[in-house]
N, C-alpha and C. Protein backbone atom coordinates (compact mmCIF):
# COMPACT_ATOMS: atom_id res chain seq x y z
N VAL A 1 -4.82 16.27 -0.69
CA VAL A 1 -3.26 15.57 -1.22
C VAL A 1 -4.05 14.63 -2.53
N GLN A 2 -2.26 14.63 -3.36
CA GLN A 2 -1.96 13.85 -4.55
C GLN A 2 -1.40 12.73 -4.07
N LEU A 3 -1.47 11.73 -4.66
CA LEU A 3 -0.80 11.09 -4.61
C LEU A 3 0.25 9.79 -5.28
N GLN A 4 1.70 9.81 -5.21
CA GLN A 4 1.86 8.69 -6.53
C GLN A 4 2.52 7.24 -5.50
N ALA A 5 1.77 6.57 -6.32
CA ALA A 5 2.48 5.06 -6.55
C ALA A 5 3.79 4.78 -7.06
N SER A 6 4.64 4.09 -6.35
CA SER A 6 5.49 3.44 -7.74
C SER A 6 6.42 2.66 -7.02
N GLY A 7 7.23 1.43 -7.76
CA GLY A 7 8.56 0.29 -7.10
C GLY A 7 7.69 -0.47 -8.05
N GLY A 8 7.20 -0.73 -8.72
CA GLY A 8 6.33 -2.29 -8.53
C GLY A 8 7.27 -2.81 -10.08
N GLY A 9 7.10 -4.15 -9.74
CA GLY A 9 7.22 -4.52 -10.91
C GLY A 9 7.66 -5.83 -11.14
N LEU A 10 8.22 -6.71 -12.44
CA LEU A 10 8.31 -8.35 -12.31
C LEU A 10 9.38 -8.56 -11.70
N VAL A 11 8.96 -9.84 -10.48
CA VAL A 11 9.65 -10.26 -9.99
C VAL A 11 9.47 -12.01 -10.18
N GLN A 12 10.76 -12.60 -9.91
CA GLN A 12 10.05 -14.22 -9.57
C GLN A 12 9.57 -14.61 -8.15
N ALA A 13 8.62 -15.25 -7.43
CA ALA A 13 8.53 -15.75 -6.27
C ALA A 13 9.50 -16.29 -5.24
N GLY A 14 9.11 -15.26 -4.65
CA GLY A 14 10.49 -15.30 -3.19
C GLY A 14 11.33 -14.06 -3.17
N ASP A 15 11.28 -13.59 -4.05
CA ASP A 15 11.80 -12.13 -3.97
C ASP A 15 11.22 -10.81 -3.48
N SER A 16 11.98 -10.02 -3.64
CA SER A 16 11.50 -8.87 -2.58
C SER A 16 10.77 -7.61 -3.67
N LEU A 17 10.43 -6.60 -2.97
CA LEU A 17 9.87 -5.00 -3.24
C LEU A 17 9.52 -4.55 -2.71
N ARG A 18 9.55 -3.36 -2.91
CA ARG A 18 9.18 -1.70 -2.04
C ARG A 18 8.54 -1.03 -2.98
N LEU A 19 7.44 -0.96 -2.35
CA LEU A 19 6.51 -0.14 -3.08
C LEU A 19 6.45 1.45 -2.12
N SER A 20 5.97 2.46 -2.88
CA SER A 20 6.46 3.46 -2.61
C SER A 20 5.19 4.37 -2.48
N CYS A 21 4.64 4.96 -1.62
CA CYS A 21 3.60 6.45 -1.96
C CYS A 21 4.28 7.82 -1.61
N ALA A 22 3.97 8.52 -2.49
CA ALA A 22 4.49 9.86 -1.74
C ALA A 22 3.41 10.60 -2.59
N ALA A 23 3.16 11.93 -1.29
CA ALA A 23 2.40 12.33 -1.21
C ALA A 23 2.85 14.18 -1.24
N SER A 24 1.97 15.27 -1.79
CA SER A 24 2.02 15.78 -2.44
C SER A 24 0.69 16.84 -1.79
N GLY A 25 0.76 18.14 -1.22
CA GLY A 25 -0.40 18.87 -1.11
C GLY A 25 -0.13 18.83 0.21
N ARG A 26 -1.78 18.40 1.13
CA ARG A 26 -1.47 18.61 2.54
C ARG A 26 -0.70 18.30 3.18
N THR A 27 -0.86 18.25 4.93
CA THR A 27 0.34 17.39 5.28
C THR A 27 -0.33 16.05 5.96
N PHE A 28 0.54 14.84 5.02
CA PHE A 28 0.48 13.68 4.52
C PHE A 28 0.56 13.51 6.35
N SER A 29 1.55 13.91 7.17
CA SER A 29 1.22 13.30 8.77
C SER A 29 -0.05 13.24 9.17
N SER A 30 -0.73 13.31 8.89
CA SER A 30 -2.42 13.64 9.37
C SER A 30 -3.14 12.68 8.39
N TYR A 31 -2.57 11.89 7.87
CA TYR A 31 -3.52 11.42 7.15
C TYR A 31 -3.15 9.92 7.87
N ALA A 32 -4.05 9.06 7.21
CA ALA A 32 -3.62 7.27 7.52
C ALA A 32 -3.89 7.12 6.59
N VAL A 33 -3.40 5.93 5.74
CA VAL A 33 -2.48 5.71 4.35
C VAL A 33 -2.94 3.76 4.42
N GLY A 34 -3.54 3.45 3.18
CA GLY A 34 -3.62 2.28 3.29
C GLY A 34 -3.20 1.77 1.64
N TRP A 35 -2.97 0.58 1.93
CA TRP A 35 -2.31 -0.32 0.68
C TRP A 35 -3.88 -1.25 0.45
N PHE A 36 -4.30 -0.98 -1.28
CA PHE A 36 -4.73 -1.61 -1.80
C PHE A 36 -4.29 -2.91 -2.94
N ARG A 37 -5.10 -3.83 -3.37
CA ARG A 37 -4.53 -4.61 -4.60
C ARG A 37 -6.25 -4.63 -5.38
N GLN A 38 -5.33 -5.03 -6.42
CA GLN A 38 -6.20 -5.78 -7.45
C GLN A 38 -5.90 -6.42 -8.66
N ALA A 39 -6.42 -6.98 -8.12
CA ALA A 39 -6.28 -9.19 -9.36
C ALA A 39 -6.98 -8.71 -10.86
N PRO A 40 -6.59 -9.33 -11.95
CA PRO A 40 -7.62 -9.19 -13.05
C PRO A 40 -8.27 -10.20 -12.96
N GLY A 41 -9.90 -9.45 -12.84
CA GLY A 41 -11.08 -9.93 -12.68
C GLY A 41 -11.48 -10.53 -11.44
N LYS A 42 -10.65 -9.74 -10.17
CA LYS A 42 -11.40 -9.61 -8.48
C LYS A 42 -11.79 -7.80 -8.18
N GLU A 43 -12.13 -8.31 -7.29
CA GLU A 43 -12.51 -7.11 -6.13
C GLU A 43 -11.25 -6.31 -5.82
N ARG A 44 -11.08 -5.61 -5.27
CA ARG A 44 -10.51 -4.66 -5.05
C ARG A 44 -10.22 -4.98 -3.32
N GLU A 45 -8.81 -5.45 -2.65
CA GLU A 45 -8.78 -5.87 -1.51
C GLU A 45 -8.11 -5.42 -0.71
N PHE A 46 -7.73 -5.47 0.77
CA PHE A 46 -7.16 -4.41 1.43
C PHE A 46 -5.55 -5.66 2.08
N VAL A 47 -4.48 -4.52 2.12
CA VAL A 47 -3.28 -5.17 2.02
C VAL A 47 -2.75 -4.66 3.81
N ALA A 48 -2.58 -3.64 3.74
CA ALA A 48 -1.90 -3.10 4.59
C ALA A 48 -2.58 -1.55 4.86
N ALA A 49 -2.81 -0.94 6.60
CA ALA A 49 -2.74 0.27 6.48
C ALA A 49 -1.99 0.50 7.82
N ILE A 50 -1.64 1.99 8.25
CA ILE A 50 -0.62 2.67 8.97
C ILE A 50 -1.33 3.56 9.49
N SER A 51 -1.51 4.26 10.78
CA SER A 51 -2.49 5.59 10.85
C SER A 51 -1.31 6.42 11.27
N TRP A 52 -1.66 7.72 11.37
CA TRP A 52 -1.40 9.06 11.38
C TRP A 52 -0.55 9.24 12.47
N GLY A 53 -1.44 9.09 13.53
CA GLY A 53 -0.27 9.28 14.52
C GLY A 53 0.63 8.42 15.33
N VAL A 54 0.43 7.32 16.05
CA VAL A 54 2.07 6.76 16.52
C VAL A 54 1.94 5.14 15.25
N GLY A 55 1.32 5.85 14.13
CA GLY A 55 2.08 4.50 12.75
C GLY A 55 1.19 3.16 13.67
N SER A 56 0.36 3.06 13.97
CA SER A 56 -0.13 1.45 13.65
C SER A 56 -0.17 0.82 12.67
N THR A 57 -0.81 -0.37 12.81
CA THR A 57 -0.79 -0.85 11.76
C THR A 57 -1.60 -2.29 11.65
N TYR A 58 -1.94 -2.53 10.10
CA TYR A 58 -3.09 -3.57 10.37
C TYR A 58 -2.69 -3.90 9.40
N TYR A 59 -2.83 -5.14 8.97
CA TYR A 59 -2.46 -6.62 7.81
C TYR A 59 -3.47 -7.17 7.15
N ALA A 60 -3.53 -7.55 6.26
CA ALA A 60 -4.57 -8.53 5.55
C ALA A 60 -3.49 -9.94 5.85
N GLY A 61 -4.54 -10.83 6.42
CA GLY A 61 -3.87 -12.01 7.18
C GLY A 61 -3.33 -12.55 5.95
N SER A 62 -3.79 -12.77 4.28
CA SER A 62 -3.18 -13.02 3.36
C SER A 62 -1.21 -12.21 3.83
N VAL A 63 -1.03 -11.19 3.66
CA VAL A 63 0.24 -10.35 3.82
C VAL A 63 1.31 -10.71 5.32
N LYS A 64 0.13 -10.85 6.32
CA LYS A 64 0.86 -10.50 7.59
C LYS A 64 1.86 -11.13 7.70
N GLY A 65 3.38 -10.39 8.29
CA GLY A 65 4.73 -11.97 8.46
C GLY A 65 5.39 -11.41 6.85
N ARG A 66 4.66 -10.86 5.69
CA ARG A 66 5.33 -10.67 4.77
C ARG A 66 5.70 -9.86 4.37
N PHE A 67 4.85 -8.56 4.50
CA PHE A 67 4.22 -7.36 4.10
C PHE A 67 4.56 -6.69 5.36
N THR A 68 5.42 -5.45 5.06
CA THR A 68 5.63 -4.52 6.43
C THR A 68 5.18 -3.09 5.86
N ILE A 69 3.87 -2.65 6.53
CA ILE A 69 4.00 -0.61 5.64
C ILE A 69 4.71 -0.17 7.02
N SER A 70 5.34 1.06 6.25
CA SER A 70 6.24 1.98 7.06
C SER A 70 5.55 3.60 6.63
N ARG A 71 6.03 4.55 7.40
CA ARG A 71 5.93 5.95 6.76
C ARG A 71 6.95 6.88 7.19
N ASP A 72 7.72 7.37 6.15
CA ASP A 72 8.12 8.63 6.36
C ASP A 72 7.92 10.22 6.75
N ASN A 73 7.24 10.66 7.50
CA ASN A 73 6.39 12.17 7.22
C ASN A 73 6.93 13.19 6.88
N PRO A 74 8.49 13.26 7.36
CA PRO A 74 9.53 14.10 6.92
C PRO A 74 9.27 14.40 5.38
N LYS A 75 9.29 13.15 4.72
CA LYS A 75 9.37 12.96 3.43
C LYS A 75 8.49 12.85 2.88
N ASN A 76 7.01 12.34 3.92
CA ASN A 76 6.39 12.40 3.40
C ASN A 76 5.62 10.88 2.32
N ILE A 77 6.37 10.03 2.73
CA ILE A 77 6.31 8.76 1.80
C ILE A 77 5.71 7.65 2.49
N VAL A 78 4.97 6.48 2.35
CA VAL A 78 4.61 5.08 3.01
C VAL A 78 5.13 3.83 1.57
N TYR A 79 5.66 3.58 2.77
CA TYR A 79 6.51 2.74 1.85
C TYR A 79 5.59 0.73 2.75
N LEU A 80 5.75 0.07 1.47
CA LEU A 80 4.66 -1.10 1.63
C LEU A 80 6.42 -2.48 1.30
N GLN A 81 7.06 -2.51 2.35
CA GLN A 81 8.46 -3.62 1.97
C GLN A 81 7.31 -5.36 1.86
N MET A 82 7.82 -5.59 0.48
CA MET A 82 6.87 -6.86 0.43
C MET A 82 7.91 -8.52 -0.19
N ASN A 83 8.14 -8.83 1.17
CA ASN A 83 9.09 -9.96 0.96
C ASN A 83 8.31 -11.19 0.89
N SER A 84 9.23 -12.23 0.44
CA SER A 84 8.60 -13.68 -0.08
C SER A 84 7.49 -13.36 -0.51
N LEU A 85 7.10 -12.92 -2.19
CA LEU A 85 6.33 -12.49 -2.54
C LEU A 85 6.26 -13.70 -3.24
N LYS A 86 4.40 -13.93 -3.70
CA LYS A 86 3.95 -15.37 -4.29
C LYS A 86 3.42 -14.19 -5.17
N PRO A 87 3.13 -15.94 -6.22
CA PRO A 87 1.82 -15.21 -7.67
C PRO A 87 0.79 -14.85 -7.36
N GLU A 88 0.20 -15.06 -6.39
CA GLU A 88 -1.11 -14.85 -6.21
C GLU A 88 -0.91 -13.20 -5.34
N ASP A 89 0.26 -12.99 -5.22
CA ASP A 89 0.26 -11.10 -4.89
C ASP A 89 0.16 -10.27 -6.32
N THR A 90 0.50 -10.99 -6.99
CA THR A 90 0.47 -10.11 -8.66
C THR A 90 -1.51 -9.26 -8.69
N ALA A 91 -0.46 -8.30 -8.55
CA ALA A 91 -2.04 -6.86 -9.08
C ALA A 91 -1.65 -5.74 -9.21
N VAL A 92 -2.18 -4.88 -9.39
CA VAL A 92 -2.19 -3.31 -9.49
C VAL A 92 -2.73 -3.10 -7.57
N TYR A 93 -1.65 -2.42 -7.42
CA TYR A 93 -1.64 -2.19 -6.06
C TYR A 93 -1.72 -0.41 -5.75
N TYR A 94 -2.63 -0.59 -5.17
CA TYR A 94 -2.67 1.35 -5.16
C TYR A 94 -2.71 1.44 -4.00
N CYS A 95 -2.51 3.37 -3.17
CA CYS A 95 -1.95 3.46 -2.25
C CYS A 95 -3.54 4.62 -2.07
N ALA A 96 -3.43 4.69 -0.60
CA ALA A 96 -5.01 5.52 -0.36
C ALA A 96 -4.61 6.31 0.97
N ALA A 97 -5.48 7.34 1.18
CA ALA A 97 -5.55 8.22 2.18
C ALA A 97 -6.40 8.58 2.57
N ASP A 98 -6.80 8.74 4.05
CA ASP A 98 -7.85 8.92 4.90
C ASP A 98 -7.07 9.80 5.71
N HIS A 99 -8.51 10.33 6.06
CA HIS A 99 -7.67 12.11 7.00
C HIS A 99 -8.63 11.26 8.40
N LYS A 100 -9.24 9.92 8.59
CA LYS A 100 -10.05 9.93 9.75
C LYS A 100 -9.36 8.53 9.95
N ALA A 101 -9.61 7.69 10.24
CA ALA A 101 -9.22 6.25 11.53
C ALA A 101 -8.44 5.80 10.60
N LEU A 102 -7.57 4.89 10.94
CA LEU A 102 -6.66 3.39 10.02
C LEU A 102 -8.22 2.52 9.27
N SER A 103 -7.88 2.42 8.47
CA SER A 103 -9.55 1.41 7.72
C SER A 103 -9.21 0.66 6.91
N ALA A 104 -9.57 -1.12 6.63
CA ALA A 104 -9.51 -1.10 6.29
C ALA A 104 -10.67 -1.03 4.89
N ILE A 105 -11.37 -0.75 5.14
CA ILE A 105 -12.77 -0.58 3.64
C ILE A 105 -12.12 0.39 2.89
N ALA A 106 -12.22 0.38 1.96
CA ALA A 106 -11.94 1.30 0.75
C ALA A 106 -12.78 2.81 0.71
N ALA A 107 -13.97 2.20 0.85
CA ALA A 107 -14.71 3.49 0.85
C ALA A 107 -14.87 4.68 1.72
N SER A 108 -13.06 4.15 2.48
CA SER A 108 -13.52 5.93 3.42
C SER A 108 -12.48 6.56 3.21
N TYR A 109 -11.74 5.40 2.45
CA TYR A 109 -10.83 6.96 1.80
C TYR A 109 -11.23 7.62 1.05
N ASP A 110 -9.80 8.82 0.98
CA ASP A 110 -10.65 9.94 0.24
C ASP A 110 -9.73 10.18 -0.54
N TYR A 111 -8.61 10.09 -0.71
CA TYR A 111 -7.39 10.36 -1.96
C TYR A 111 -7.26 8.59 -2.15
N TRP A 112 -7.22 8.63 -3.89
CA TRP A 112 -6.43 7.28 -4.58
C TRP A 112 -5.54 7.85 -5.06
N GLY A 113 -4.50 7.33 -5.18
CA GLY A 113 -3.15 6.84 -6.06
C GLY A 113 -3.77 6.15 -7.20
N GLN A 114 -2.61 6.17 -8.71
CA GLN A 114 -2.75 5.63 -9.92
C GLN A 114 -2.58 4.70 -9.68
N GLY A 115 -1.89 3.66 -8.95
CA GLY A 115 -1.70 1.84 -8.88
C GLY A 115 0.16 1.51 -9.35
N THR A 116 0.84 0.65 -8.95
CA THR A 116 1.35 0.43 -9.76
C THR A 116 1.53 -1.07 -9.90
N GLN A 117 1.79 -1.17 -11.37
CA GLN A 117 1.88 -3.36 -11.33
C GLN A 117 2.74 -4.20 -10.45
N VAL A 118 2.20 -5.06 -9.88
CA VAL A 118 3.84 -5.62 -9.45
C VAL A 118 2.84 -6.78 -10.01
N THR A 119 4.08 -7.20 -10.46
CA THR A 119 3.57 -9.57 -11.19
C THR A 119 4.81 -10.31 -10.04
N VAL A 120 4.20 -11.82 -9.92
CA VAL A 120 5.33 -12.17 -9.56
C VAL A 120 5.04 -13.96 -10.25
N SER A 121 6.27 -13.84 -10.80
CA SER A 121 6.16 -15.22 -11.74
C SER A 121 6.24 -16.63 -10.82
N SER A 122 6.07 -17.40 -11.35
CA SER A 122 5.97 -18.94 -10.07
C SER A 122 7.94 -19.47 -10.62
């Protein structure tokens, strides 16, 4: 499966952005999808994930209550709605697909998109 992340940009603290992860290739609905981010000089970190079945979700503590992950299987798109953005949310955001279960571990994901830059100014 091929993934294309989009929707990043430059915003001010408190603003919102919606990232999209569009998939092509195999049946996207059978994959768990996760969002990760990597800031300059830091390790890639987990943000949120959604399962392939009932759409169970899981969030990192730093974004819980501010970010929402959702999926539109007929359109082969997973969204990450980001509200109340903070400067510390600045990073390149990546989406990834895992044909197994929902996971917060980057190494468990089989396919990765190219990333989209999110910059939040104070």
